[in-house]
């Protein structure tokens, strides 16, 4: 584990995020999981899919 991550965890242990920030993070994770689940089930619309753009040839 990186020292930066250990310091960040220590900061969060001393000063935990507010309940509002925890709710926002939980909603963001739930929304991302819902999109992934809809795509996996094949229910995500075709117009919302991202297509790979062709790469420009290298000079």
N, C-alpha and C. Protein backbone atom coordinates (compact mmCIF):
# COMPACT_ATOMS: atom_id res chain seq x y z
N UNK A 1 0.84 -1.17 0.00
CA UNK A 1 0.00 0.00 0.00
C UNK A 1 0.90 1.24 0.00
N UNK A 2 0.45 2.24 -0.67
CA UNK A 2 1.19 3.48 -0.82
C UNK A 2 1.06 4.36 0.43
N UNK A 3 2.11 5.10 0.74
CA UNK A 3 2.08 5.98 1.91
C UNK A 3 1.00 7.05 1.78
N UNK A 4 0.76 7.51 0.56
CA UNK A 4 -0.27 8.52 0.33
C UNK A 4 -1.64 8.00 0.74
N UNK A 5 -1.92 6.73 0.38
CA UNK A 5 -3.21 6.15 0.73
C UNK A 5 -3.34 5.95 2.24
N UNK A 6 -2.25 5.59 2.89
CA UNK A 6 -2.29 5.45 4.35
C UNK A 6 -2.57 6.80 5.02
N UNK A 7 -1.96 7.85 4.53
CA UNK A 7 -2.23 9.18 5.09
C UNK A 7 -3.67 9.61 4.83
N UNK A 8 -4.18 9.30 3.66
CA UNK A 8 -5.56 9.65 3.35
C UNK A 8 -6.54 8.90 4.25
N UNK A 9 -6.27 7.60 4.48
CA UNK A 9 -7.14 6.82 5.37
C UNK A 9 -7.07 7.35 6.80
N UNK A 10 -5.88 7.77 7.25
CA UNK A 10 -5.76 8.33 8.60
C UNK A 10 -6.55 9.62 8.71
N UNK A 11 -6.52 10.44 7.66
CA UNK A 11 -7.28 11.70 7.67
C UNK A 11 -8.78 11.40 7.74
N UNK A 12 -9.24 10.41 6.95
CA UNK A 12 -10.65 10.06 6.98
C UNK A 12 -11.05 9.48 8.32
N UNK A 13 -10.16 8.76 8.99
CA UNK A 13 -10.48 8.19 10.30
C UNK A 13 -10.64 9.30 11.34
N UNK A 14 -9.81 10.34 11.22
CA UNK A 14 -9.89 11.46 12.17
C UNK A 14 -11.05 12.40 11.85
N UNK A 15 -11.32 12.60 10.57
CA UNK A 15 -12.37 13.52 10.12
C UNK A 15 -13.23 12.81 9.07
N UNK A 16 -14.18 11.98 9.51
CA UNK A 16 -14.99 11.23 8.54
C UNK A 16 -15.88 12.17 7.72
N UNK A 17 -16.25 11.75 6.51
CA UNK A 17 -17.13 12.59 5.69
C UNK A 17 -18.51 12.71 6.32
N UNK A 18 -19.19 13.78 5.94
CA UNK A 18 -20.52 14.01 6.48
C UNK A 18 -21.51 12.99 5.92
N UNK A 19 -22.62 12.78 6.61
CA UNK A 19 -23.64 11.84 6.09
C UNK A 19 -24.13 12.23 4.69
N UNK A 20 -24.17 13.52 4.41
CA UNK A 20 -24.60 13.98 3.09
C UNK A 20 -23.63 13.52 2.01
N UNK A 21 -22.32 13.62 2.29
CA UNK A 21 -21.33 13.20 1.31
C UNK A 21 -21.37 11.67 1.11
N UNK A 22 -21.65 10.94 2.18
CA UNK A 22 -21.77 9.48 2.07
C UNK A 22 -22.97 9.13 1.20
N UNK A 23 -24.09 9.84 1.36
CA UNK A 23 -25.27 9.59 0.54
C UNK A 23 -25.00 9.90 -0.93
N UNK A 24 -24.30 10.99 -1.20
CA UNK A 24 -23.98 11.36 -2.58
C UNK A 24 -23.10 10.29 -3.23
N UNK A 25 -22.11 9.81 -2.49
CA UNK A 25 -21.22 8.77 -3.02
C UNK A 25 -21.99 7.48 -3.26
N UNK A 26 -22.89 7.13 -2.35
CA UNK A 26 -23.67 5.90 -2.50
C UNK A 26 -24.60 6.00 -3.71
N UNK A 27 -25.19 7.15 -3.93
CA UNK A 27 -26.06 7.35 -5.09
C UNK A 27 -25.26 7.26 -6.39
N UNK A 28 -24.06 7.83 -6.41
CA UNK A 28 -23.22 7.77 -7.60
C UNK A 28 -22.82 6.33 -7.92
N UNK A 29 -22.46 5.56 -6.90
CA UNK A 29 -22.08 4.16 -7.11
C UNK A 29 -23.29 3.35 -7.58
N UNK A 30 -24.46 3.61 -6.99
CA UNK A 30 -25.67 2.89 -7.38
C UNK A 30 -26.05 3.21 -8.83
N UNK A 31 -25.91 4.46 -9.24
CA UNK A 31 -26.22 4.85 -10.62
C UNK A 31 -25.27 4.16 -11.60
N UNK A 32 -24.00 4.11 -11.26
CA UNK A 32 -23.02 3.44 -12.13
C UNK A 32 -23.33 1.95 -12.24
N UNK A 33 -23.65 1.32 -11.12
CA UNK A 33 -23.99 -0.10 -11.14
C UNK A 33 -25.27 -0.36 -11.94
N UNK A 34 -26.23 0.56 -11.87
CA UNK A 34 -27.46 0.40 -12.63
C UNK A 34 -27.19 0.47 -14.13
N UNK A 35 -26.33 1.38 -14.55
CA UNK A 35 -25.99 1.49 -15.97
C UNK A 35 -25.28 0.22 -16.44
N UNK A 36 -24.34 -0.26 -15.65
CA UNK A 36 -23.62 -1.49 -16.02
C UNK A 36 -24.58 -2.67 -16.08
N UNK A 37 -25.49 -2.77 -15.14
CA UNK A 37 -26.45 -3.87 -15.13
C UNK A 37 -27.38 -3.80 -16.34
N UNK A 38 -27.86 -2.62 -16.68
CA UNK A 38 -28.72 -2.48 -17.85
C UNK A 38 -27.98 -2.85 -19.14
N UNK A 39 -26.72 -2.45 -19.23
CA UNK A 39 -25.93 -2.79 -20.41
C UNK A 39 -25.68 -4.29 -20.47
N UNK A 40 -25.38 -4.91 -19.35
CA UNK A 40 -25.11 -6.35 -19.30
C UNK A 40 -26.35 -7.16 -19.68
N UNK A 41 -27.53 -6.67 -19.25
CA UNK A 41 -28.78 -7.36 -19.56
C UNK A 41 -29.26 -7.09 -20.99
N UNK A 42 -28.61 -6.15 -21.68
CA UNK A 42 -29.01 -5.83 -23.04
C UNK A 42 -30.16 -4.85 -23.11
N UNK A 43 -30.46 -4.17 -22.03
CA UNK A 43 -31.57 -3.22 -21.98
C UNK A 43 -31.15 -1.78 -22.23
N UNK A 44 -29.86 -1.56 -22.38
CA UNK A 44 -29.36 -0.19 -22.63
C UNK A 44 -29.63 0.15 -24.09
N UNK A 45 -30.21 1.32 -24.39
CA UNK A 45 -30.57 1.65 -25.78
C UNK A 45 -29.32 1.82 -26.66
N UNK A 46 -29.49 1.51 -27.95
CA UNK A 46 -28.37 1.60 -28.88
C UNK A 46 -27.87 3.03 -29.05
N UNK A 47 -28.78 4.01 -28.98
CA UNK A 47 -28.35 5.39 -29.19
C UNK A 47 -27.47 5.89 -28.05
N UNK A 48 -27.48 5.21 -26.91
CA UNK A 48 -26.68 5.65 -25.77
C UNK A 48 -25.33 4.93 -25.69
N UNK A 49 -25.06 4.04 -26.62
CA UNK A 49 -23.79 3.33 -26.61
C UNK A 49 -22.69 4.19 -27.21
N UNK A 50 -21.49 3.98 -26.74
CA UNK A 50 -20.34 4.71 -27.24
C UNK A 50 -19.66 3.84 -28.29
N UNK A 51 -19.42 4.44 -29.44
CA UNK A 51 -18.74 3.72 -30.50
C UNK A 51 -17.29 4.18 -30.54
N UNK A 52 -16.42 3.26 -30.87
CA UNK A 52 -15.01 3.63 -30.98
C UNK A 52 -14.81 4.47 -32.23
N UNK A 53 -14.11 5.57 -32.07
CA UNK A 53 -13.80 6.42 -33.21
C UNK A 53 -12.58 5.86 -33.93
N UNK A 54 -12.54 5.98 -35.24
CA UNK A 54 -11.36 5.49 -35.94
C UNK A 54 -10.15 6.36 -35.59
N UNK A 55 -9.02 5.71 -35.42
CA UNK A 55 -7.81 6.44 -35.08
C UNK A 55 -7.23 7.09 -36.33
N UNK A 56 -6.69 8.26 -36.16
CA UNK A 56 -6.02 8.94 -37.26
C UNK A 56 -4.70 8.23 -37.55
N UNK A 57 -4.34 8.12 -38.81
CA UNK A 57 -3.06 7.47 -39.12
C UNK A 57 -1.90 8.28 -38.59
N UNK A 58 -0.90 7.57 -38.13
CA UNK A 58 0.28 8.24 -37.58
C UNK A 58 1.17 8.69 -38.72
N UNK A 59 1.72 9.88 -38.61
CA UNK A 59 2.61 10.38 -39.69
C UNK A 59 3.95 9.68 -39.71
